[in-house]
Amino acid sequence: KFDEHIMIVFLTGYAEFVFDGYSVGALDYIIKPATAQKLME
């Protein structure tokens, strides 16, 4: 509502939640626990 520029990456333990992220302009999602490889990419 006040910031359209900040990049948002969702953290979740359940993959089914990730599709909702596109409605708020999420950049990506990461399934917990985050791996070094995923974060590097």
PDB file of all heavy atoms in Angstrom:
ATOM      1  N   LYS A   1       0.818  -1.211   0.000  1.00  0.00           N
ATOM      2  CA  LYS A   1       0.000   0.000   0.000  1.00  0.00           C
ATOM      3  C   LYS A   1       0.857   1.270   0.000  1.00  0.00           C
ATOM      4  O   LYS A   1       0.418   2.314  -0.468  1.00  0.00           O
ATOM      5  CB  LYS A   1      -0.933   0.014   1.224  1.00  0.00           C
ATOM      6  CG  LYS A   1      -2.030  -1.038   1.179  1.00  0.00           C
ATOM      7  CD  LYS A   1      -2.879  -0.984   2.437  1.00  0.00           C
ATOM      8  CE  LYS A   1      -3.967  -2.052   2.426  1.00  0.00           C
ATOM      9  NZ  LYS A   1      -4.785  -2.023   3.682  1.00  0.00           N
ATOM     10  N   PHE A   2       2.083   1.156   0.530  1.00  0.00           N
ATOM     11  CA  PHE A   2       2.947   2.339   0.578  1.00  0.00           C
ATOM     12  C   PHE A   2       4.316   2.127  -0.069  1.00  0.00           C
ATOM     13  O   PHE A   2       5.087   3.073  -0.217  1.00  0.00           O
ATOM     14  CB  PHE A   2       3.140   2.809   2.036  1.00  0.00           C
ATOM     15  CG  PHE A   2       3.714   1.762   2.960  1.00  0.00           C
ATOM     16  CD1 PHE A   2       5.084   1.556   3.027  1.00  0.00           C
ATOM     17  CD2 PHE A   2       2.889   1.000   3.771  1.00  0.00           C
ATOM     18  CE1 PHE A   2       5.614   0.595   3.878  1.00  0.00           C
ATOM     19  CE2 PHE A   2       3.408   0.040   4.623  1.00  0.00           C
ATOM     20  CZ  PHE A   2       4.780  -0.166   4.671  1.00  0.00           C
ATOM     21  N   ASP A   3       4.620   0.908  -0.465  1.00  0.00           N
ATOM     22  CA  ASP A   3       5.921   0.641  -1.084  1.00  0.00           C
ATOM     23  C   ASP A   3       5.781  -0.429  -2.163  1.00  0.00           C
ATOM     24  O   ASP A   3       5.588  -1.602  -1.871  1.00  0.00           O
ATOM     25  CB  ASP A   3       6.928   0.163  -0.024  1.00  0.00           C
ATOM     26  CG  ASP A   3       8.356   0.112  -0.550  1.00  0.00           C
ATOM     27  OD1 ASP A   3       8.535   0.040  -1.789  1.00  0.00           O
ATOM     28  OD2 ASP A   3       9.286   0.137   0.264  1.00  0.00           O
ATOM     29  N   GLU A   4       5.863   0.004  -3.413  1.00  0.00           N
ATOM     30  CA  GLU A   4       5.743  -0.949  -4.526  1.00  0.00           C
ATOM     31  C   GLU A   4       7.096  -1.424  -5.025  1.00  0.00           C
ATOM     32  O   GLU A   4       7.170  -2.255  -5.935  1.00  0.00           O
ATOM     33  CB  GLU A   4       4.972  -0.304  -5.686  1.00  0.00           C
ATOM     34  CG  GLU A   4       5.657   0.927  -6.269  1.00  0.00           C
ATOM     35  CD  GLU A   4       4.838   1.612  -7.342  1.00  0.00           C
ATOM     36  OE1 GLU A   4       3.616   1.743  -7.171  1.00  0.00           O
ATOM     37  OE2 GLU A   4       5.429   2.015  -8.354  1.00  0.00           O
ATOM     38  N   HIS A   5       8.169  -0.905  -4.432  1.00  0.00           N
ATOM     39  CA  HIS A   5       9.511  -1.178  -4.958  1.00  0.00           C
ATOM     40  C   HIS A   5      10.295  -2.226  -4.168  1.00  0.00           C
ATOM     41  O   HIS A   5      11.145  -2.917  -4.743  1.00  0.00           O
ATOM     42  CB  HIS A   5      10.331   0.117  -4.999  1.00  0.00           C
ATOM     43  CG  HIS A   5       9.689   1.192  -5.814  1.00  0.00           C
ATOM     44  ND1 HIS A   5       9.625   1.151  -7.180  1.00  0.00           N
ATOM     45  CD2 HIS A   5       9.054   2.342  -5.437  1.00  0.00           C
ATOM     46  CE1 HIS A   5       8.994   2.217  -7.633  1.00  0.00           C
ATOM     47  NE2 HIS A   5       8.643   2.946  -6.596  1.00  0.00           N
ATOM     48  N   ILE A   6      10.045  -2.346  -2.874  1.00  0.00           N
ATOM     49  CA  ILE A   6      10.828  -3.282  -2.081  1.00  0.00           C
ATOM     50  C   ILE A   6      10.658  -4.699  -2.638  1.00  0.00           C
ATOM     51  O   ILE A   6       9.547  -5.124  -2.986  1.00  0.00           O
ATOM     52  CB  ILE A   6      10.412  -3.229  -0.589  1.00  0.00           C
ATOM     53  CG1 ILE A   6      11.382  -4.056   0.271  1.00  0.00           C
ATOM     54  CG2 ILE A   6       8.977  -3.657  -0.394  1.00  0.00           C
ATOM     55  CD1 ILE A   6      11.156  -3.876   1.763  1.00  0.00           C
ATOM     56  N   MET A   7      11.748  -5.431  -2.760  1.00  0.00           N
ATOM     57  CA  MET A   7      11.693  -6.812  -3.247  1.00  0.00           C
ATOM     58  C   MET A   7      11.313  -7.729  -2.082  1.00  0.00           C
ATOM     59  O   MET A   7      11.931  -7.662  -1.016  1.00  0.00           O
ATOM     60  CB  MET A   7      13.050  -7.214  -3.837  1.00  0.00           C
ATOM     61  CG  MET A   7      13.414  -6.460  -5.106  1.00  0.00           C
ATOM     62  SD  MET A   7      15.064  -6.874  -5.737  1.00  0.00           S
ATOM     63  CE  MET A   7      16.110  -5.905  -4.612  1.00  0.00           C
ATOM     64  N   ILE A   8      10.309  -8.566  -2.314  1.00  0.00           N
ATOM     65  CA  ILE A   8       9.821  -9.482  -1.283  1.00  0.00           C
ATOM     66  C   ILE A   8      10.071 -10.922  -1.708  1.00  0.00           C
ATOM     67  O   ILE A   8       9.711 -11.313  -2.825  1.00  0.00           O
ATOM     68  CB  ILE A   8       8.324  -9.267  -1.015  1.00  0.00           C
ATOM     69  CG1 ILE A   8       8.069  -7.865  -0.432  1.00  0.00           C
ATOM     70  CG2 ILE A   8       7.792 -10.334  -0.054  1.00  0.00           C
ATOM     71  CD1 ILE A   8       6.594  -7.538  -0.251  1.00  0.00           C
ATOM     72  N   VAL A   9      10.695 -11.683  -0.825  1.00  0.00           N
ATOM     73  CA  VAL A   9      10.888 -13.117  -1.038  1.00  0.00           C
ATOM     74  C   VAL A   9      10.215 -13.835   0.118  1.00  0.00           C
ATOM     75  O   VAL A   9      10.544 -13.602   1.287  1.00  0.00           O
ATOM     76  CB  VAL A   9      12.391 -13.489  -1.098  1.00  0.00           C
ATOM     77  CG1 VAL A   9      12.556 -15.008  -1.151  1.00  0.00           C
ATOM     78  CG2 VAL A   9      13.040 -12.845  -2.317  1.00  0.00           C
ATOM     79  N   PHE A  10       9.257 -14.690  -0.188  1.00  0.00           N
ATOM     80  CA  PHE A  10       8.528 -15.397   0.854  1.00  0.00           C
ATOM     81  C   PHE A  10       9.302 -16.627   1.342  1.00  0.00           C
ATOM     82  O   PHE A  10       9.974 -17.313   0.557  1.00  0.00           O
ATOM     83  CB  PHE A  10       7.158 -15.847   0.349  1.00  0.00           C
ATOM     84  CG  PHE A  10       6.145 -14.755   0.333  1.00  0.00           C
ATOM     85  CD1 PHE A  10       5.559 -14.352  -0.856  1.00  0.00           C
ATOM     86  CD2 PHE A  10       5.761 -14.128   1.505  1.00  0.00           C
ATOM     87  CE1 PHE A  10       4.617 -13.344  -0.871  1.00  0.00           C
ATOM     88  CE2 PHE A  10       4.825 -13.106   1.501  1.00  0.00           C
ATOM     89  CZ  PHE A  10       4.244 -12.720   0.310  1.00  0.00           C
ATOM     90  N   LEU A  11       9.177 -16.867   2.634  1.00  0.00           N
ATOM     91  CA  LEU A  11       9.713 -18.077   3.259  1.00  0.00           C
ATOM     92  C   LEU A  11       8.527 -18.932   3.675  1.00  0.00           C
ATOM     93  O   LEU A  11       7.571 -18.423   4.272  1.00  0.00           O
ATOM     94  CB  LEU A  11      10.532 -17.708   4.503  1.00  0.00           C
ATOM     95  CG  LEU A  11      11.648 -16.683   4.308  1.00  0.00           C
ATOM     96  CD1 LEU A  11      12.143 -16.187   5.669  1.00  0.00           C
ATOM     97  CD2 LEU A  11      12.797 -17.301   3.527  1.00  0.00           C
ATOM     98  N   THR A  12       8.556 -20.206   3.362  1.00  0.00           N
ATOM     99  CA  THR A  12       7.427 -21.054   3.711  1.00  0.00           C
ATOM    100  C   THR A  12       7.858 -22.508   3.841  1.00  0.00           C
ATOM    101  O   THR A  12       8.847 -22.934   3.247  1.00  0.00           O
ATOM    102  CB  THR A  12       6.303 -20.957   2.651  1.00  0.00           C
ATOM    103  OG1 THR A  12       5.233 -21.821   3.006  1.00  0.00           O
ATOM    104  CG2 THR A  12       6.823 -21.347   1.268  1.00  0.00           C
ATOM    105  N   GLY A  13       7.110 -23.235   4.622  1.00  0.00           N
ATOM    106  CA  GLY A  13       7.367 -24.658   4.740  1.00  0.00           C
ATOM    107  C   GLY A  13       6.442 -25.469   3.845  1.00  0.00           C
ATOM    108  O   GLY A  13       6.540 -26.695   3.783  1.00  0.00           O
ATOM    109  N   TYR A  14       5.535 -24.766   3.125  1.00  0.00           N
ATOM    110  CA  TYR A  14       4.527 -25.465   2.323  1.00  0.00           C
ATOM    111  C   TYR A  14       4.438 -24.838   0.933  1.00  0.00           C
ATOM    112  O   TYR A  14       4.073 -23.671   0.783  1.00  0.00           O
ATOM    113  CB  TYR A  14       3.160 -25.389   2.994  1.00  0.00           C
ATOM    114  CG  TYR A  14       3.183 -25.893   4.427  1.00  0.00           C
ATOM    115  CD1 TYR A  14       3.342 -25.000   5.485  1.00  0.00           C
ATOM    116  CD2 TYR A  14       3.073 -27.261   4.711  1.00  0.00           C
ATOM    117  CE1 TYR A  14       3.378 -25.449   6.798  1.00  0.00           C
ATOM    118  CE2 TYR A  14       3.117 -27.707   6.022  1.00  0.00           C
ATOM    119  CZ  TYR A  14       3.267 -26.807   7.051  1.00  0.00           C
ATOM    120  OH  TYR A  14       3.318 -27.247   8.350  1.00  0.00           O
ATOM    121  N   ALA A  15       4.738 -25.618  -0.075  1.00  0.00           N
ATOM    122  CA  ALA A  15       4.802 -25.106  -1.444  1.00  0.00           C
ATOM    123  C   ALA A  15       3.469 -24.570  -1.949  1.00  0.00           C
ATOM    124  O   ALA A  15       3.437 -23.695  -2.811  1.00  0.00           O
ATOM    125  CB  ALA A  15       5.311 -26.205  -2.383  1.00  0.00           C
ATOM    126  N   GLU A  16       2.335 -25.060  -1.402  1.00  0.00           N
ATOM    127  CA  GLU A  16       1.039 -24.648  -1.925  1.00  0.00           C
ATOM    128  C   GLU A  16       0.737 -23.173  -1.676  1.00  0.00           C
ATOM    129  O   GLU A  16      -0.157 -22.596  -2.291  1.00  0.00           O
ATOM    130  CB  GLU A  16      -0.093 -25.505  -1.332  1.00  0.00           C
ATOM    131  CG  GLU A  16      -0.218 -25.447   0.181  1.00  0.00           C
ATOM    132  CD  GLU A  16       0.508 -26.606   0.855  1.00  0.00           C
ATOM    133  OE1 GLU A  16       1.492 -27.106   0.280  1.00  0.00           O
ATOM    134  OE2 GLU A  16       0.099 -26.987   1.958  1.00  0.00           O
ATOM    135  N   PHE A  17       1.464 -22.529  -0.755  1.00  0.00           N
ATOM    136  CA  PHE A  17       1.219 -21.118  -0.467  1.00  0.00           C
ATOM    137  C   PHE A  17       1.836 -20.179  -1.505  1.00  0.00           C
ATOM    138  O   PHE A  17       1.463 -19.014  -1.584  1.00  0.00           O
ATOM    139  CB  PHE A  17       1.786 -20.733   0.913  1.00  0.00           C
ATOM    140  CG  PHE A  17       0.984 -21.264   2.065  1.00  0.00           C
ATOM    141  CD1 PHE A  17       1.519 -22.216   2.916  1.00  0.00           C
ATOM    142  CD2 PHE A  17      -0.299 -20.807   2.309  1.00  0.00           C
ATOM    143  CE1 PHE A  17       0.794 -22.706   3.990  1.00  0.00           C
ATOM    144  CE2 PHE A  17      -1.037 -21.285   3.384  1.00  0.00           C
ATOM    145  CZ  PHE A  17      -0.490 -22.239   4.224  1.00  0.00           C
ATOM    146  N   VAL A  18       2.789 -20.671  -2.277  1.00  0.00           N
ATOM    147  CA  VAL A  18       3.623 -19.766  -3.056  1.00  0.00           C
ATOM    148  C   VAL A  18       2.866 -19.055  -4.159  1.00  0.00           C
ATOM    149  O   VAL A  18       3.232 -17.937  -4.541  1.00  0.00           O
ATOM    150  CB  VAL A  18       4.834 -20.514  -3.665  1.00  0.00           C
ATOM    151  CG1 VAL A  18       5.639 -21.195  -2.577  1.00  0.00           C
ATOM    152  CG2 VAL A  18       4.396 -21.527  -4.711  1.00  0.00           C
ATOM    153  N   PHE A  19       1.788 -19.641  -4.698  1.00  0.00           N
ATOM    154  CA  PHE A  19       1.099 -19.024  -5.820  1.00  0.00           C
ATOM    155  C   PHE A  19       0.417 -17.715  -5.426  1.00  0.00           C
ATOM    156  O   PHE A  19       0.221 -16.834  -6.251  1.00  0.00           O
ATOM    157  CB  PHE A  19       0.092 -20.004  -6.411  1.00  0.00           C
ATOM    158  CG  PHE A  19       0.750 -21.243  -6.968  1.00  0.00           C
ATOM    159  CD1 PHE A  19       0.684 -22.447  -6.283  1.00  0.00           C
ATOM    160  CD2 PHE A  19       1.458 -21.188  -8.157  1.00  0.00           C
ATOM    161  CE1 PHE A  19       1.303 -23.578  -6.776  1.00  0.00           C
ATOM    162  CE2 PHE A  19       2.091 -22.319  -8.657  1.00  0.00           C
ATOM    163  CZ  PHE A  19       2.015 -23.519  -7.969  1.00  0.00           C
ATOM    164  N   ASP A  20       0.046 -17.596  -4.168  1.00  0.00           N
ATOM    165  CA  ASP A  20      -0.564 -16.345  -3.700  1.00  0.00           C
ATOM    166  C   ASP A  20       0.416 -15.181  -3.752  1.00  0.00           C
ATOM    167  O   ASP A  20       0.009 -14.020  -3.776  1.00  0.00           O
ATOM    168  CB  ASP A  20      -1.083 -16.506  -2.269  1.00  0.00           C
ATOM    169  CG  ASP A  20      -2.230 -17.505  -2.178  1.00  0.00           C
ATOM    170  OD1 ASP A  20      -2.922 -17.684  -3.189  1.00  0.00           O
ATOM    171  OD2 ASP A  20      -2.397 -18.097  -1.105  1.00  0.00           O
ATOM    172  N   GLY A  21       1.694 -15.477  -3.773  1.00  0.00           N
ATOM    173  CA  GLY A  21       2.705 -14.424  -3.734  1.00  0.00           C
ATOM    174  C   GLY A  21       2.702 -13.508  -4.934  1.00  0.00           C
ATOM    175  O   GLY A  21       3.099 -12.338  -4.846  1.00  0.00           O
ATOM    176  N   TYR A  22       2.225 -13.990  -6.072  1.00  0.00           N
ATOM    177  CA  TYR A  22       2.226 -13.169  -7.278  1.00  0.00           C
ATOM    178  C   TYR A  22       1.261 -11.999  -7.172  1.00  0.00           C
ATOM    179  O   TYR A  22       1.437 -10.977  -7.832  1.00  0.00           O
ATOM    180  CB  TYR A  22       1.898 -14.030  -8.494  1.00  0.00           C
ATOM    181  CG  TYR A  22       2.935 -15.103  -8.737  1.00  0.00           C
ATOM    182  CD1 TYR A  22       2.662 -16.442  -8.479  1.00  0.00           C
ATOM    183  CD2 TYR A  22       4.214 -14.762  -9.200  1.00  0.00           C
ATOM    184  CE1 TYR A  22       3.630 -17.425  -8.684  1.00  0.00           C
ATOM    185  CE2 TYR A  22       5.176 -15.740  -9.407  1.00  0.00           C
ATOM    186  CZ  TYR A  22       4.877 -17.063  -9.143  1.00  0.00           C
ATOM    187  OH  TYR A  22       5.837 -18.031  -9.333  1.00  0.00           O
ATOM    188  N   SER A  23       0.246 -12.124  -6.346  1.00  0.00           N
ATOM    189  CA  SER A  23      -0.726 -11.044  -6.201  1.00  0.00           C
ATOM    190  C   SER A  23      -0.143  -9.833  -5.489  1.00  0.00           C
ATOM    191  O   SER A  23      -0.703  -8.738  -5.572  1.00  0.00           O
ATOM    192  CB  SER A  23      -1.964 -11.538  -5.438  1.00  0.00           C
ATOM    193  OG  SER A  23      -1.629 -11.867  -4.102  1.00  0.00           O
ATOM    194  N   VAL A  24       0.955 -10.014  -4.787  1.00  0.00           N
ATOM    195  CA  VAL A  24       1.599  -8.896  -4.089  1.00  0.00           C
ATOM    196  C   VAL A  24       2.972  -8.601  -4.684  1.00  0.00           C
ATOM    197  O   VAL A  24       3.793  -7.925  -4.075  1.00  0.00           O
ATOM    198  CB  VAL A  24       1.721  -9.175  -2.571  1.00  0.00           C
ATOM    199  CG1 VAL A  24       0.356  -9.165  -1.919  1.00  0.00           C
ATOM    200  CG2 VAL A  24       2.434 -10.501  -2.307  1.00  0.00           C
ATOM    201  N   GLY A  25       3.217  -9.100  -5.882  1.00  0.00           N
ATOM    202  CA  GLY A  25       4.470  -8.796  -6.566  1.00  0.00           C
ATOM    203  C   GLY A  25       5.692  -9.396  -5.913  1.00  0.00           C
ATOM    204  O   GLY A  25       6.761  -8.782  -5.913  1.00  0.00           O
ATOM    205  N   ALA A  26       5.549 -10.598  -5.358  1.00  0.00           N
ATOM    206  CA  ALA A  26       6.712 -11.246  -4.734  1.00  0.00           C
ATOM    207  C   ALA A  26       7.729 -11.617  -5.806  1.00  0.00           C
ATOM    208  O   ALA A  26       7.377 -12.044  -6.908  1.00  0.00           O
ATOM    209  CB  ALA A  26       6.272 -12.487  -3.976  1.00  0.00           C
ATOM    210  N   LEU A  27       8.997 -11.466  -5.477  1.00  0.00           N
ATOM    211  CA  LEU A  27      10.066 -11.793  -6.411  1.00  0.00           C
ATOM    212  C   LEU A  27      10.273 -13.299  -6.517  1.00  0.00           C
ATOM    213  O   LEU A  27      10.535 -13.833  -7.595  1.00  0.00           O
ATOM    214  CB  LEU A  27      11.369 -11.118  -5.963  1.00  0.00           C
ATOM    215  CG  LEU A  27      12.599 -11.344  -6.832  1.00  0.00           C
ATOM    216  CD1 LEU A  27      12.433 -10.658  -8.185  1.00  0.00           C
ATOM    217  CD2 LEU A  27      13.847 -10.805  -6.131  1.00  0.00           C
ATOM    218  N   ASP A  28      10.150 -13.997  -5.386  1.00  0.00           N
ATOM    219  CA  ASP A  28      10.408 -15.436  -5.373  1.00  0.00           C
ATOM    220  C   ASP A  28       9.930 -15.992  -4.041  1.00  0.00           C
ATOM    221  O   ASP A  28       9.419 -15.258  -3.182  1.00  0.00           O
ATOM    222  CB  ASP A  28      11.902 -15.705  -5.538  1.00  0.00           C
ATOM    223  CG  ASP A  28      12.207 -17.079  -6.138  1.00  0.00           C
ATOM    224  OD1 ASP A  28      11.305 -17.949  -6.110  1.00  0.00           O
ATOM    225  OD2 ASP A  28      13.333 -17.284  -6.607  1.00  0.00           O
ATOM    226  N   TYR A  29      10.103 -17.295  -3.868  1.00  0.00           N
ATOM    227  CA  TYR A  29       9.820 -17.931  -2.591  1.00  0.00           C
ATOM    228  C   TYR A  29      10.899 -18.953  -2.291  1.00  0.00           C
ATOM    229  O   TYR A  29      11.576 -19.448  -3.197  1.00  0.00           O
ATOM    230  CB  TYR A  29       8.446 -18.614  -2.619  1.00  0.00           C
ATOM    231  CG  TYR A  29       8.400 -19.846  -3.499  1.00  0.00           C
ATOM    232  CD1 TYR A  29       8.642 -21.109  -2.970  1.00  0.00           C
ATOM    233  CD2 TYR A  29       8.129 -19.740  -4.855  1.00  0.00           C
ATOM    234  CE1 TYR A  29       8.617 -22.236  -3.777  1.00  0.00           C
ATOM    235  CE2 TYR A  29       8.099 -20.863  -5.670  1.00  0.00           C
ATOM    236  CZ  TYR A  29       8.341 -22.106  -5.125  1.00  0.00           C
ATOM    237  OH  TYR A  29       8.317 -23.222  -5.923  1.00  0.00           O
ATOM    238  N   ILE A  30      11.084 -19.233  -1.040  1.00  0.00           N
ATOM    239  CA  ILE A  30      12.070 -20.220  -0.610  1.00  0.00           C
ATOM    240  C   ILE A  30      11.400 -21.185   0.359  1.00  0.00           C
ATOM    241  O   ILE A  30      10.735 -20.768   1.310  1.00  0.00           O
ATOM    242  CB  ILE A  30      13.273 -19.536   0.083  1.00  0.00           C
ATOM    243  CG1 ILE A  30      14.088 -18.748  -0.950  1.00  0.00           C
ATOM    244  CG2 ILE A  30      14.159 -20.563   0.783  1.00  0.00           C
ATOM    245  CD1 ILE A  30      15.252 -17.985  -0.343  1.00  0.00           C
ATOM    246  N   ILE A  31      11.556 -22.465   0.081  1.00  0.00           N
ATOM    247  CA  ILE A  31      11.047 -23.480   0.996  1.00  0.00           C
ATOM    248  C   ILE A  31      12.048 -23.649   2.139  1.00  0.00           C
ATOM    249  O   ILE A  31      13.249 -23.800   1.914  1.00  0.00           O
ATOM    250  CB  ILE A  31      10.858 -24.828   0.270  1.00  0.00           C
ATOM    251  CG1 ILE A  31       9.851 -24.662  -0.893  1.00  0.00           C
ATOM    252  CG2 ILE A  31      10.380 -25.893   1.240  1.00  0.00           C
ATOM    253  CD1 ILE A  31       8.455 -24.324  -0.465  1.00  0.00           C
ATOM    254  N   LYS A  32      11.558 -23.551   3.368  1.00  0.00           N
ATOM    255  CA  LYS A  32      12.429 -23.718   4.536  1.00  0.00           C
ATOM    256  C   LYS A  32      12.885 -25.172   4.669  1.00  0.00           C
ATOM    257  O   LYS A  32      12.116 -26.089   4.351  1.00  0.00           O
ATOM    258  CB  LYS A  32      11.684 -23.309   5.817  1.00  0.00           C
ATOM    259  CG  LYS A  32      11.350 -21.847   5.920  1.00  0.00           C
ATOM    260  CD  LYS A  32      10.636 -21.624   7.248  1.00  0.00           C
ATOM    261  CE  LYS A  32      10.312 -20.178   7.507  1.00  0.00           C
ATOM    262  NZ  LYS A  32       9.639 -19.973   8.793  1.00  0.00           N
ATOM    263  N   PRO A  33      14.104 -25.388   5.164  1.00  0.00           N
ATOM    264  CA  PRO A  33      15.134 -24.380   5.443  1.00  0.00           C
ATOM    265  C   PRO A  33      15.838 -23.946   4.164  1.00  0.00           C
ATOM    266  O   PRO A  33      16.031 -24.752   3.239  1.00  0.00           O
ATOM    267  CB  PRO A  33      16.090 -25.124   6.381  1.00  0.00           C
ATOM    268  CG  PRO A  33      15.983 -26.556   5.954  1.00  0.00           C
ATOM    269  CD  PRO A  33      14.557 -26.764   5.534  1.00  0.00           C
ATOM    270  N   ALA A  34      16.221 -22.688   4.100  1.00  0.00           N
ATOM    271  CA  ALA A  34      16.892 -22.154   2.914  1.00  0.00           C
ATOM    272  C   ALA A  34      18.278 -22.778   2.759  1.00  0.00           C
ATOM    273  O   ALA A  34      19.031 -22.887   3.720  1.00  0.00           O
ATOM    274  CB  ALA A  34      17.021 -20.643   3.035  1.00  0.00           C
ATOM    275  N   THR A  35      18.591 -23.199   1.548  1.00  0.00           N
ATOM    276  CA  THR A  35      19.916 -23.762   1.290  1.00  0.00           C
ATOM    277  C   THR A  35      20.835 -22.687   0.742  1.00  0.00           C
ATOM    278  O   THR A  35      20.379 -21.698   0.143  1.00  0.00           O
ATOM    279  CB  THR A  35      19.834 -24.904   0.268  1.00  0.00           C
ATOM    280  OG1 THR A  35      19.393 -24.376  -1.008  1.00  0.00           O
ATOM    281  CG2 THR A  35      18.865 -25.979   0.735  1.00  0.00           C
ATOM    282  N   ALA A  36      22.124 -22.879   0.915  1.00  0.00           N
ATOM    283  CA  ALA A  36      23.106 -21.926   0.411  1.00  0.00           C
ATOM    284  C   ALA A  36      22.995 -21.794  -1.103  1.00  0.00           C
ATOM    285  O   ALA A  36      23.102 -20.690  -1.653  1.00  0.00           O
ATOM    286  CB  ALA A  36      24.513 -22.360   0.819  1.00  0.00           C
ATOM    287  N   GLN A  37      22.761 -22.905  -1.798  1.00  0.00           N
ATOM    288  CA  GLN A  37      22.660 -22.883  -3.252  1.00  0.00           C
ATOM    289  C   GLN A  37      21.476 -22.048  -3.720  1.00  0.00           C
ATOM    290  O   GLN A  37      21.588 -21.231  -4.643  1.00  0.00           O
ATOM    291  CB  GLN A  37      22.538 -24.317  -3.791  1.00  0.00           C
ATOM    292  CG  GLN A  37      22.477 -24.415  -5.312  1.00  0.00           C
ATOM    293  CD  GLN A  37      23.735 -23.893  -5.980  1.00  0.00           C
ATOM    294  OE1 GLN A  37      24.833 -24.030  -5.437  1.00  0.00           O
ATOM    295  NE2 GLN A  37      23.571 -23.278  -7.151  1.00  0.00           N
ATOM    296  N   LYS A  38      20.317 -22.236  -3.083  1.00  0.00           N
ATOM    297  CA  LYS A  38      19.129 -21.471  -3.446  1.00  0.00           C
ATOM    298  C   LYS A  38      19.354 -19.977  -3.211  1.00  0.00           C
ATOM    299  O   LYS A  38      18.973 -19.136  -4.050  1.00  0.00           O
ATOM    300  CB  LYS A  38      17.933 -21.955  -2.635  1.00  0.00           C
ATOM    301  CG  LYS A  38      16.648 -21.163  -2.850  1.00  0.00           C
ATOM    302  CD  LYS A  38      16.124 -21.280  -4.252  1.00  0.00           C
ATOM    303  CE  LYS A  38      14.791 -20.552  -4.399  1.00  0.00           C
ATOM    304  NZ  LYS A  38      14.250 -20.596  -5.772  1.00  0.00           N
ATOM    305  N   LEU A  39      19.986 -19.630  -2.097  1.00  0.00           N
ATOM    306  CA  LEU A  39      20.239 -18.225  -1.794  1.00  0.00           C
ATOM    307  C   LEU A  39      21.245 -17.621  -2.766  1.00  0.00           C
ATOM    308  O   LEU A  39      21.107 -16.460  -3.171  1.00  0.00           O
ATOM    309  CB  LEU A  39      20.731 -18.075  -0.352  1.00  0.00           C
ATOM    310  CG  LEU A  39      19.679 -18.359   0.727  1.00  0.00           C
ATOM    311  CD1 LEU A  39      20.319 -18.347   2.109  1.00  0.00           C
ATOM    312  CD2 LEU A  39      18.541 -17.337   0.664  1.00  0.00           C
ATOM    313  N   MET A  40      22.250 -18.377  -3.160  1.00  0.00           N
ATOM    314  CA  MET A  40      23.227 -17.894  -4.129  1.00  0.00           C
ATOM    315  C   MET A  40      22.559 -17.591  -5.465  1.00  0.00           C
ATOM    316  O   MET A  40      22.819 -16.554  -6.086  1.00  0.00           O
ATOM    317  CB  MET A  40      24.342 -18.922  -4.312  1.00  0.00           C
ATOM    318  CG  MET A  40      25.316 -19.007  -3.145  1.00  0.00           C
ATOM    319  SD  MET A  40      26.556 -20.320  -3.357  1.00  0.00           S
ATOM    320  CE  MET A  40      27.424 -19.706  -4.811  1.00  0.00           C
ATOM    321  N   GLU A  41      21.682 -18.477  -5.911  1.00  0.00           N
ATOM    322  CA  GLU A  41      20.964 -18.265  -7.165  1.00  0.00           C
ATOM    323  C   GLU A  41      20.050 -17.049  -7.077  1.00  0.00           C
ATOM    324  O   GLU A  41      19.982 -16.230  -8.004  1.00  0.00           O
ATOM    325  CB  GLU A  41      20.146 -19.515  -7.508  1.00  0.00           C
ATOM    326  CG  GLU A  41      20.995 -20.741  -7.832  1.00  0.00           C
ATOM    327  CD  GLU A  41      20.170 -22.010  -7.942  1.00  0.00           C
ATOM    328  OE1 GLU A  41      18.935 -21.930  -7.729  1.00  0.00           O
ATOM    329  OE2 GLU A  41      20.746 -23.071  -8.248  1.00  0.00           O
TER     330      GLU A  41
END
